[in-house]
Amino acid sequence: MPVAPQHVTPEHLKARLYGWQDRPGPLYLRLAEALRALAETGAVNTGTRLPSERALAATLNVSRNTVTAAYGQLRDDGWLVGRRGAAARVGANTRTPDGQSAPADPLANLFTTGARPDLDLTIASPSAAPAVLDALARPHVLLPEFATHDAGYYPAGHPILLDAIAGKLRRDGIDADPEEIVVTNGAQQALALVAEALHRPRRPVALEAVTYPGVIDAVRRRGRSQLVALPVDATGLRVDVAARVIQATTPAAVYLTTFQNPTGNALSQAEADVVLSAAEASRTTIVEDRVLADLPLDRQDPPTPLAALNPSTAVVTIGSLSKVFWGGLRIGWIHTNRTLAAHLRTRRRALDLGSPAPMQFLAAWLLEHCSGDTHRWRIRQLQDSLAALTTAISAADLDWRYQQPAGGPNLWIQLPRATAGTYADRAARYAVPVAAGSTFALTADMAGEMIRIPFYRSPNELTTAVSALAVTWRRHLQTDGHSTRPVRRVAEEMPRI
């Protein structure tokens, strides 16, 4: 079937919608389904602008209300981009509970397709640690002799990996058993599985107002639960307000990150107790994403897992090897009670037949033999790079503000003006790509003055990057210097969106 042009005429659509009125159901749903079929089959490309409601209605000889309702249905289902009354384009979006459109792929700004520049500061993921490179050169690590006698499918996780993960969790303070662990293809799949299992149609879901886009993506793709924003400011989660919001809304799940991403702050034990108590009183499950937990920068040990603080509160713990060892391993895990773990393993098998066997064996080896040394090496690396990054920002005299992160690999920077999105676009074209704050926000109008710079790169690379960013920033001020757009701080966001 031929591909539609970027602007499709009413006559073009009519020729391809032959017979749509003969289908069962309300007329507007028949039209919506027919248009959806054109998009699904590629007859109408992503980005194509559809005819106006009035023009299509006249051509199809139906009321304008029918076309308006059909377009509205397609918007609600994520197939059309653009507000009501404006030109509708075929694209991908999702709907927030208050009716605002939001990107259907929050990770798009971080994981773009095509070639990437040599120095890219949008992805906060490290290159492989020396221990990974060393282990990859050992055939017996990737393929132990016992593994050559079976089929190589381990959808529940190989026992040696489950034992290694359980050992790590016990060292962290969680009394874990292998039967309580689900092995996943990284933390993103873990988040998606948990969201699918925990969400309830009539109960909201609570997220930090700014957080890792993968959490937003996982939550929004699991149905239409109302989203409740837990306020975050420069110091991290505002615990007092968050606790009141949890008790007032009784969400099915609350998603929290250890070393809050992107601010890099952690809950104190007293603050954690407040959140846990609110969740227990509300019969709410806390999902703690501990992917960054092994990267403390201002202390010797990681924060205590929430699951170890209050056994009477339902806590699901998510982890992975990506931020310490290497994201390319694609090994993550979920820890929960045995019943939910068994349920999640069943759902996991429906997706694929398990993480690649060599990566499971490699992950087990790294956890058993290399954890301590690699953690210490990675933290020293991050500390050196953070020092170089902040020194370069200060030397460039940019009037950028930030707080030293307690942990994790990110510096959350406040610009003097709420033009971070425009600046990030210019930086990607002329300097070094960085992520605008809106990438991490539940709605696009939040964190408009923020950018995130990860510091996994070497000190020399980060110094070079800041020099390039500084030149682009001064040009940005010259072209945008008369902007009077107010800064909307994350701390001032309303708890509910």
Protein backbone atom coordinates (compact mmCIF):
# COMPACT_ATOMS: atom_id res chain seq x y z
CA MET A 1 0.00 0.00 0.00
CA PRO A 2 1.44 3.41 -0.89
CA VAL A 3 2.76 5.69 1.84
CA ALA A 4 0.71 8.79 2.52
CA PRO A 5 2.32 12.21 2.14
CA GLN A 6 3.13 14.43 5.11
CA HIS A 7 -0.09 16.31 4.48
CA VAL A 8 -2.96 14.02 3.55
CA THR A 9 -6.04 15.37 1.78
CA PRO A 10 -9.61 14.42 2.70
CA GLU A 11 -10.00 12.78 -0.72
CA HIS A 12 -6.83 10.73 -0.13
CA LEU A 13 -8.25 9.40 3.12
CA LYS A 14 -11.69 8.76 1.68
CA ALA A 15 -10.21 6.54 -1.02
CA ARG A 16 -8.54 4.40 1.65
CA LEU A 17 -11.46 4.34 4.07
CA TYR A 18 -13.75 2.46 1.70
CA GLY A 19 -16.37 0.43 3.55
CA TRP A 20 -15.64 1.82 7.00
CA GLN A 21 -19.30 2.74 7.61
CA ASP A 22 -20.40 -0.87 7.18
CA ARG A 23 -18.68 -1.99 10.39
CA PRO A 24 -20.58 -2.41 13.69
CA GLY A 25 -20.60 0.14 16.49
CA PRO A 26 -21.05 3.89 16.82
CA LEU A 27 -20.11 5.83 13.71
CA TYR A 28 -17.29 7.79 15.35
CA LEU A 29 -15.67 4.58 16.64
CA ARG A 30 -15.91 3.01 13.19
CA LEU A 31 -14.10 6.02 11.76
CA ALA A 32 -11.50 6.00 14.53
CA GLU A 33 -10.79 2.30 14.00
CA ALA A 34 -10.48 2.78 10.25
CA LEU A 35 -8.01 5.65 10.70
CA ARG A 36 -6.10 3.64 13.28
CA ALA A 37 -5.80 0.77 10.78
CA LEU A 38 -4.24 3.12 8.24
CA ALA A 39 -1.63 4.17 10.79
CA GLU A 40 -0.95 0.60 11.96
CA THR A 41 -0.38 -0.65 8.42
CA GLY A 42 1.83 2.30 7.45
CA ALA A 43 -0.62 3.74 4.93
CA VAL A 44 -0.42 6.98 6.92
CA ASN A 45 3.05 7.76 8.25
CA THR A 46 4.06 9.14 11.61
CA GLY A 47 4.10 12.92 11.33
CA THR A 48 1.35 13.09 8.71
CA ARG A 49 -1.04 15.99 9.28
CA LEU A 50 -4.65 14.91 8.97
CA PRO A 51 -7.36 17.06 7.35
CA SER A 52 -9.33 19.46 9.49
CA GLU A 53 -12.44 18.08 11.15
CA ARG A 54 -14.68 20.23 8.96
CA ALA A 55 -12.97 19.22 5.69
CA LEU A 56 -12.97 15.49 6.45
CA ALA A 57 -16.59 15.59 7.61
CA ALA A 58 -17.68 17.24 4.36
CA THR A 59 -15.75 14.74 2.24
CA LEU A 60 -17.08 11.71 4.12
CA ASN A 61 -20.58 13.15 4.26
CA VAL A 62 -20.85 12.82 8.06
CA SER A 63 -21.35 15.37 10.80
CA ARG A 64 -18.39 17.29 12.10
CA ASN A 65 -19.17 15.91 15.57
CA THR A 66 -18.46 12.41 14.24
CA VAL A 67 -14.99 13.40 13.05
CA THR A 68 -14.32 15.40 16.23
CA ALA A 69 -15.19 12.38 18.37
CA ALA A 70 -13.09 10.06 16.19
CA TYR A 71 -10.05 12.33 16.43
CA GLY A 72 -10.62 12.64 20.17
CA GLN A 73 -10.69 8.85 20.54
CA LEU A 74 -7.44 8.54 18.62
CA ARG A 75 -5.86 11.22 20.80
CA ASP A 76 -6.94 9.38 23.94
CA ASP A 77 -5.55 6.13 22.56
CA GLY A 78 -2.19 7.74 21.81
CA TRP A 79 -2.35 7.79 18.01
CA LEU A 80 -2.70 11.52 17.39
CA VAL A 81 -0.53 14.40 18.55
CA GLY A 82 -1.86 17.93 18.99
CA ARG A 83 -4.43 19.61 21.15
CA ARG A 84 -8.09 19.68 20.25
CA GLY A 85 -8.89 22.41 17.73
CA ALA A 86 -5.38 22.34 16.25
CA ALA A 87 -4.10 20.32 13.30
CA ALA A 88 -3.94 16.65 14.26
CA ARG A 89 -0.82 14.68 13.35
CA VAL A 90 -0.24 10.96 13.46
CA GLY A 91 2.23 10.34 16.26
CA ALA A 92 2.71 8.86 19.70
CA ASN A 93 1.49 10.40 22.94
CA THR A 94 -0.25 9.45 26.12
CA ARG A 95 -2.77 11.27 28.28
CA THR A 96 -2.23 12.42 31.83
CA PRO A 97 -5.24 12.30 34.19
CA ASP A 98 -5.91 16.02 33.82
CA GLY A 99 -6.16 15.70 30.05
CA GLN A 100 -2.73 17.04 29.15
CA SER A 101 -0.76 15.37 26.39
CA ALA A 102 2.59 13.89 27.32
CA PRO A 103 5.21 12.08 25.23
CA ALA A 104 4.50 8.37 24.91
CA ASP A 105 8.25 7.73 25.00
CA PRO A 106 9.85 9.77 27.81
CA LEU A 107 13.17 8.01 27.12
CA ALA A 108 13.32 9.37 23.56
CA ASN A 109 15.44 12.37 24.60
CA LEU A 110 18.00 10.08 26.23
CA PHE A 111 18.12 7.16 23.80
CA THR A 112 18.00 8.62 20.32
CA THR A 113 18.47 6.60 17.17
CA GLY A 114 21.33 6.99 14.73
CA ALA A 115 24.92 8.03 15.30
CA ARG A 116 25.73 9.76 18.57
CA PRO A 117 28.48 12.35 19.11
CA ASP A 118 31.69 11.24 20.77
CA LEU A 119 30.92 13.39 23.82
CA ASP A 120 27.26 12.95 24.77
CA LEU A 121 25.99 13.99 28.21
CA THR A 122 22.38 12.86 27.86
CA ILE A 123 22.87 9.24 28.99
CA ALA A 124 23.95 8.61 32.57
CA SER A 125 25.50 5.21 31.93
CA PRO A 126 29.12 4.18 32.35
CA SER A 127 31.53 2.39 30.10
CA ALA A 128 32.42 -1.13 31.18
CA ALA A 129 34.38 -1.37 34.41
CA PRO A 130 37.80 -3.06 34.24
CA ALA A 131 36.38 -6.08 36.06
CA VAL A 132 33.85 -6.55 33.24
CA LEU A 133 36.52 -6.41 30.55
CA ASP A 134 38.67 -8.85 32.49
CA ALA A 135 35.80 -11.28 33.04
CA LEU A 136 34.77 -11.14 29.37
CA ALA A 137 38.18 -12.55 28.49
CA ARG A 138 37.55 -15.67 30.60
CA PRO A 139 35.61 -18.32 28.67
CA HIS A 140 34.76 -20.31 31.80
CA VAL A 141 32.99 -17.24 33.22
CA LEU A 142 30.74 -16.76 30.19
CA LEU A 143 30.10 -20.46 29.62
CA PRO A 144 30.80 -22.73 32.61
CA GLU A 145 31.32 -26.38 31.79
CA PHE A 146 28.03 -27.44 33.41
CA ALA A 147 26.12 -25.10 31.12
CA THR A 148 27.23 -26.87 27.94
CA HIS A 149 24.94 -29.82 28.75
CA ASP A 150 21.59 -28.01 28.83
CA ALA A 151 19.45 -25.90 26.50
CA GLY A 152 20.62 -22.56 27.90
CA TYR A 153 17.19 -21.18 28.76
CA TYR A 154 16.86 -19.79 32.29
CA PRO A 155 13.66 -17.69 32.32
CA ALA A 156 13.54 -17.66 36.12
CA GLY A 157 17.23 -16.84 36.40
CA HIS A 158 20.00 -19.39 36.76
CA PRO A 159 20.41 -20.61 40.35
CA ILE A 160 23.99 -19.31 40.60
CA LEU A 161 22.80 -15.82 39.63
CA LEU A 162 19.84 -15.96 42.01
CA ASP A 163 22.20 -16.96 44.83
CA ALA A 164 24.60 -14.14 43.93
CA ILE A 165 21.81 -11.54 43.90
CA ALA A 166 20.43 -12.86 47.19
CA GLY A 167 23.91 -12.56 48.68
CA LYS A 168 24.20 -8.95 47.55
CA LEU A 169 20.78 -8.10 49.00
CA ARG A 170 21.70 -9.72 52.31
CA ARG A 171 24.89 -7.65 52.43
CA ASP A 172 22.74 -4.58 51.85
CA GLY A 173 20.50 -5.51 54.76
CA ILE A 174 17.57 -7.34 53.12
CA ASP A 175 16.95 -10.88 54.37
CA ALA A 176 16.55 -12.19 50.82
CA ASP A 177 15.93 -15.70 49.54
CA PRO A 178 16.40 -16.75 45.89
CA GLU A 179 12.68 -17.64 45.70
CA GLU A 180 11.90 -13.96 46.33
CA ILE A 181 13.96 -12.74 43.36
CA VAL A 182 13.00 -12.26 39.72
CA VAL A 183 15.82 -11.79 37.19
CA THR A 184 15.04 -9.27 34.45
CA ASN A 185 16.61 -7.70 31.37
CA GLY A 186 17.74 -4.65 33.28
CA ALA A 187 15.84 -2.40 35.65
CA GLN A 188 13.55 -1.02 32.95
CA GLN A 189 11.92 -4.40 32.39
CA ALA A 190 11.71 -4.80 36.15
CA LEU A 191 9.80 -1.51 36.44
CA ALA A 192 7.43 -2.50 33.65
CA LEU A 193 6.67 -5.89 35.24
CA VAL A 194 6.05 -4.38 38.66
CA ALA A 195 3.84 -1.62 37.27
CA GLU A 196 1.72 -4.14 35.38
CA ALA A 197 1.25 -6.27 38.48
CA LEU A 198 0.60 -3.56 41.08
CA HIS A 199 -1.60 -0.98 39.41
CA ARG A 200 -5.32 -0.92 40.12
CA PRO A 201 -7.96 0.76 37.91
CA ARG A 202 -9.52 2.81 40.70
CA ARG A 203 -6.41 3.65 42.70
CA PRO A 204 -3.83 6.29 41.76
CA VAL A 205 -0.09 5.78 41.45
CA ALA A 206 2.40 8.15 43.09
CA LEU A 207 5.68 9.26 41.52
CA GLU A 208 8.30 11.80 42.39
CA ALA A 209 7.52 14.99 40.46
CA VAL A 210 10.86 14.71 38.71
CA THR A 211 12.36 11.27 38.29
CA TYR A 212 14.07 8.92 35.86
CA PRO A 213 12.07 8.93 32.59
CA GLY A 214 12.03 5.13 32.54
CA VAL A 215 9.81 5.14 35.63
CA ILE A 216 7.40 7.56 33.99
CA ASP A 217 7.34 5.42 30.86
CA ALA A 218 6.71 2.18 32.76
CA VAL A 219 3.90 3.68 34.82
CA ARG A 220 2.11 5.43 31.97
CA ARG A 221 2.12 2.33 29.80
CA ARG A 222 0.32 0.28 32.44
CA GLY A 223 -3.21 1.57 31.94
CA ARG A 224 -4.83 4.82 32.96
CA SER A 225 -4.26 5.06 36.68
CA GLN A 226 -4.38 8.60 38.01
CA LEU A 227 -0.87 9.92 38.62
CA VAL A 228 -0.07 11.75 41.84
CA ALA A 229 3.08 13.86 41.95
CA LEU A 230 5.20 13.78 45.11
CA PRO A 231 6.92 17.19 45.36
CA VAL A 232 10.67 17.33 44.78
CA ASP A 233 12.92 20.34 45.26
CA ALA A 234 16.67 20.87 45.06
CA THR A 235 17.17 18.79 48.21
CA GLY A 236 15.16 15.84 46.93
CA LEU A 237 11.78 14.51 48.02
CA ARG A 238 9.77 16.82 50.29
CA VAL A 239 8.98 14.09 52.75
CA ASP A 240 6.45 15.91 54.93
CA VAL A 241 4.25 16.84 51.96
CA ALA A 242 4.77 13.45 50.30
CA ALA A 243 3.56 11.61 53.39
CA ARG A 244 0.39 13.71 53.53
CA VAL A 245 -0.24 13.14 49.83
CA ILE A 246 0.17 9.36 50.24
CA GLN A 247 -2.28 9.26 53.14
CA ALA A 248 -4.78 11.49 51.33
CA THR A 249 -4.74 9.62 48.02
CA THR A 250 -3.97 6.01 49.15
CA PRO A 251 -2.15 5.10 45.93
CA ALA A 252 -1.70 1.49 44.85
CA ALA A 253 2.05 2.07 44.56
CA VAL A 254 4.62 4.74 45.38
CA TYR A 255 7.77 4.83 43.24
CA LEU A 256 10.92 6.15 44.92
CA THR A 257 14.56 6.17 43.84
CA THR A 258 17.55 5.78 46.12
CA PHE A 259 19.82 8.75 45.47
CA GLN A 260 16.90 10.48 43.86
CA ASN A 261 17.33 10.72 40.13
CA PRO A 262 18.18 13.38 38.99
CA THR A 263 18.84 15.41 42.20
CA GLY A 264 21.19 12.82 43.73
CA ASN A 265 19.75 13.16 47.23
CA ALA A 266 18.78 10.38 49.63
CA LEU A 267 16.25 10.01 52.41
CA SER A 268 17.59 9.99 55.94
CA GLN A 269 16.43 7.06 58.05
CA ALA A 270 14.02 9.36 59.90
CA GLU A 271 12.57 10.58 56.59
CA ALA A 272 12.32 7.01 55.32
CA ASP A 273 10.40 6.05 58.45
CA VAL A 274 7.88 8.83 57.76
CA VAL A 275 7.26 7.61 54.21
CA LEU A 276 7.07 3.97 55.28
CA SER A 277 4.55 4.78 57.99
CA ALA A 278 2.37 6.71 55.54
CA ALA A 279 2.50 3.82 53.07
CA GLU A 280 1.65 1.24 55.73
CA ALA A 281 -1.33 3.27 56.94
CA SER A 282 -2.55 3.62 53.34
CA ARG A 283 -1.97 -0.04 52.43
CA THR A 284 0.34 1.16 49.71
CA THR A 285 3.24 -0.76 48.19
CA ILE A 286 6.50 1.14 47.90
CA VAL A 287 8.65 0.38 44.86
CA GLU A 288 12.23 1.35 45.67
CA ASP A 289 14.50 1.70 42.66
CA ARG A 290 17.99 1.08 44.06
CA VAL A 291 19.86 1.10 40.76
CA LEU A 292 21.96 4.06 41.98
CA ALA A 293 22.18 2.93 45.59
CA ASP A 294 25.71 1.54 45.24
CA LEU A 295 27.13 4.95 44.31
CA PRO A 296 27.35 6.96 47.57
CA LEU A 297 29.54 10.04 47.18
CA ASP A 298 29.39 11.64 50.63
CA ARG A 299 29.32 8.56 52.83
CA GLN A 300 30.95 5.17 53.15
CA ASP A 301 27.89 2.95 52.85
CA PRO A 302 24.74 3.11 50.71
CA PRO A 303 21.45 4.08 52.37
CA THR A 304 19.67 1.23 54.12
CA PRO A 305 17.05 -0.39 51.84
CA LEU A 306 13.48 0.54 52.71
CA ALA A 307 12.63 -3.17 52.77
CA ALA A 308 15.03 -3.58 55.70
CA LEU A 309 13.60 -0.74 57.79
CA ASN A 310 9.97 -1.73 58.32
CA PRO A 311 9.04 -5.38 57.64
CA SER A 312 5.33 -4.62 58.01
CA THR A 313 5.31 -2.27 55.00
CA ALA A 314 5.02 -3.81 51.53
CA VAL A 315 8.22 -2.91 49.66
CA VAL A 316 9.37 -4.08 46.23
CA THR A 317 13.08 -3.53 45.58
CA ILE A 318 14.55 -3.12 42.08
CA GLY A 319 18.24 -3.27 41.26
CA SER A 320 20.68 -3.85 38.43
CA LEU A 321 24.37 -3.94 37.52
CA SER A 322 24.13 -1.13 34.98
CA LYS A 323 25.40 1.86 36.98
CA VAL A 324 28.39 0.21 38.63
CA PHE A 325 29.54 -2.47 36.19
CA TRP A 326 28.06 -1.80 32.74
CA GLY A 327 24.62 -1.17 31.28
CA GLY A 328 25.38 -3.52 28.40
CA LEU A 329 25.04 -6.52 30.71
CA ARG A 330 21.24 -6.02 30.78
CA ILE A 331 20.86 -7.82 34.10
CA GLY A 332 18.42 -6.50 36.67
CA TRP A 333 16.24 -7.94 39.40
CA ILE A 334 13.14 -7.57 41.53
CA HIS A 335 12.97 -8.55 45.18
CA THR A 336 9.56 -8.99 46.78
CA ASN A 337 7.55 -11.59 48.68
CA ARG A 338 7.43 -15.14 47.30
CA THR A 339 3.85 -14.93 46.08
CA LEU A 340 4.35 -11.77 44.03
CA ALA A 341 7.72 -13.04 42.82
CA ALA A 342 6.11 -16.21 41.45
CA HIS A 343 3.46 -14.10 39.74
CA LEU A 344 6.09 -11.83 38.19
CA ARG A 345 8.14 -14.78 36.96
CA THR A 346 5.06 -16.05 35.12
CA ARG A 347 4.61 -12.67 33.45
CA ARG A 348 8.32 -12.50 32.68
CA ARG A 349 8.24 -15.85 30.85
CA ALA A 350 5.47 -14.51 28.63
CA LEU A 351 7.83 -11.79 27.39
CA ASP A 352 10.88 -13.93 26.56
CA LEU A 353 12.76 -17.00 27.70
CA GLY A 354 15.13 -15.22 30.02
CA SER A 355 18.19 -13.02 29.97
CA PRO A 356 21.08 -14.35 27.81
CA ALA A 357 22.82 -17.18 29.61
CA PRO A 358 26.39 -15.80 29.19
CA MET A 359 25.32 -12.49 30.73
CA GLN A 360 23.70 -14.30 33.66
CA PHE A 361 26.91 -16.24 34.33
CA LEU A 362 28.99 -13.09 33.93
CA ALA A 363 26.74 -11.16 36.32
CA ALA A 364 26.98 -13.92 38.92
CA TRP A 365 30.77 -13.91 38.64
CA LEU A 366 30.98 -10.14 39.03
CA LEU A 367 28.69 -10.11 42.07
CA GLU A 368 30.60 -12.91 43.77
CA HIS A 369 34.17 -11.88 43.00
CA CYS A 370 34.33 -8.21 42.01
CA SER A 371 31.66 -6.24 43.87
CA GLY A 372 33.72 -4.56 46.58
CA ASP A 373 36.69 -3.51 44.45
CA THR A 374 34.53 -2.37 41.54
CA HIS A 375 32.22 -0.34 43.78
CA ARG A 376 35.19 1.46 45.35
CA TRP A 377 36.80 2.03 41.94
CA ARG A 378 33.59 3.42 40.40
CA ILE A 379 32.94 5.77 43.33
CA ARG A 380 36.48 7.17 43.18
CA GLN A 381 36.04 7.69 39.46
CA LEU A 382 32.77 9.57 39.99
CA GLN A 383 34.17 11.70 42.78
CA ASP A 384 37.12 12.80 40.62
CA SER A 385 34.86 13.57 37.67
CA LEU A 386 32.34 15.47 39.80
CA ALA A 387 35.14 17.63 41.20
CA ALA A 388 36.35 18.42 37.68
CA LEU A 389 32.82 19.20 36.50
CA THR A 390 31.99 21.61 39.30
CA THR A 391 35.41 23.27 39.07
CA ALA A 392 34.89 23.85 35.34
CA ILE A 393 31.41 25.30 35.91
CA SER A 394 32.72 27.67 38.57
CA ALA A 395 35.65 28.74 36.39
CA ALA A 396 33.33 29.45 33.46
CA ASP A 397 31.30 31.88 35.63
CA LEU A 398 27.97 30.71 34.18
CA ASP A 399 25.64 31.62 37.06
CA TRP A 400 24.48 28.00 37.10
CA ARG A 401 23.37 26.75 40.51
CA TYR A 402 23.51 23.24 41.88
CA GLN A 403 23.84 21.25 45.08
CA GLN A 404 26.43 18.57 45.57
CA PRO A 405 24.68 15.19 45.11
CA ALA A 406 24.85 12.73 47.98
CA GLY A 407 25.12 9.88 45.50
CA GLY A 408 24.57 8.78 41.95
CA PRO A 409 26.20 10.02 38.73
CA ASN A 410 24.19 13.19 38.02
CA LEU A 411 24.48 16.94 38.67
CA TRP A 412 21.07 18.67 38.64
CA ILE A 413 21.72 22.25 37.51
CA GLN A 414 19.43 25.28 37.71
CA LEU A 415 19.80 27.86 34.96
CA PRO A 416 18.98 31.54 35.60
CA ARG A 417 16.11 31.38 33.09
CA ALA A 418 13.40 28.84 32.36
CA THR A 419 14.73 28.16 28.87
CA ALA A 420 16.46 24.84 29.47
CA GLY A 421 14.65 23.13 26.61
CA THR A 422 15.80 25.72 24.06
CA TYR A 423 19.31 25.72 25.47
CA ALA A 424 19.50 21.90 25.36
CA ASP A 425 18.47 21.99 21.70
CA ARG A 426 21.22 24.50 20.93
CA ALA A 427 23.78 22.58 22.94
CA ALA A 428 23.00 19.42 20.96
CA ARG A 429 23.54 21.30 17.69
CA TYR A 430 26.57 23.39 18.54
CA ALA A 431 28.30 21.96 21.61
CA VAL A 432 27.56 18.84 23.68
CA PRO A 433 24.13 17.22 24.08
CA VAL A 434 22.61 17.58 27.57
CA ALA A 435 19.16 16.64 28.86
CA ALA A 436 16.64 19.36 29.71
CA GLY A 437 14.83 19.12 33.03
CA SER A 438 11.47 18.54 31.35
CA THR A 439 12.78 15.12 30.29
CA PHE A 440 12.54 14.05 33.93
CA ALA A 441 9.23 15.72 34.77
CA LEU A 442 5.72 14.31 34.87
CA THR A 443 4.46 17.22 32.78
CA ALA A 444 6.35 19.19 30.16
CA ASP A 445 5.94 22.56 31.94
CA MET A 446 7.88 21.44 35.02
CA ALA A 447 11.62 21.89 35.67
CA GLY A 448 11.89 24.34 32.79
CA GLU A 449 15.01 25.94 34.28
CA MET A 450 16.88 22.67 34.94
CA ILE A 451 19.41 20.58 33.02
CA ARG A 452 21.09 17.33 34.04
CA ILE A 453 24.76 16.59 33.45
CA PRO A 454 26.02 13.10 34.33
CA PHE A 455 29.67 12.79 35.36
CA TYR A 456 30.66 9.30 34.31
CA ARG A 457 33.03 10.85 31.77
CA SER A 458 36.68 11.54 32.58
CA PRO A 459 37.70 14.85 34.19
CA ASN A 460 39.34 16.04 30.97
CA GLU A 461 36.25 15.23 28.91
CA LEU A 462 33.96 17.04 31.33
CA THR A 463 36.22 20.10 31.39
CA THR A 464 36.15 20.16 27.59
CA ALA A 465 32.38 19.71 27.59
CA VAL A 466 31.79 22.63 29.98
CA SER A 467 33.98 24.89 27.84
CA ALA A 468 31.81 24.12 24.81
CA LEU A 469 28.59 24.45 26.80
CA ALA A 470 29.72 27.81 28.18
CA VAL A 471 30.20 29.26 24.69
CA THR A 472 26.75 28.05 23.66
CA TRP A 473 25.22 29.38 26.89
CA ARG A 474 26.51 32.90 26.29
CA ARG A 475 25.17 32.83 22.75
CA HIS A 476 21.90 31.54 24.13
CA LEU A 477 21.70 34.49 26.52
CA GLN A 478 22.33 36.91 23.67
CA THR A 479 19.49 35.49 21.57
CA ASP A 480 17.14 34.91 24.50
CA GLY A 481 18.25 37.73 26.75
CA HIS A 482 14.95 39.57 26.64
CA SER A 483 12.89 36.59 27.73
CA THR A 484 10.57 37.37 30.63
CA ARG A 485 9.30 33.83 30.97
CA PRO A 486 9.13 33.09 34.72
CA VAL A 487 11.04 30.27 36.32
CA ARG A 488 8.70 27.59 37.62
CA ARG A 489 10.51 25.69 40.32
CA VAL A 490 9.87 22.03 40.94
CA ALA A 491 9.36 22.72 44.63
CA GLU A 492 6.33 24.86 43.81
CA GLU A 493 4.50 22.13 41.89
CA MET A 494 1.13 21.05 43.18
CA PRO A 495 1.13 17.49 44.54
CA ARG A 496 -1.52 16.27 42.11
CA ILE A 497 -1.31 16.48 38.32
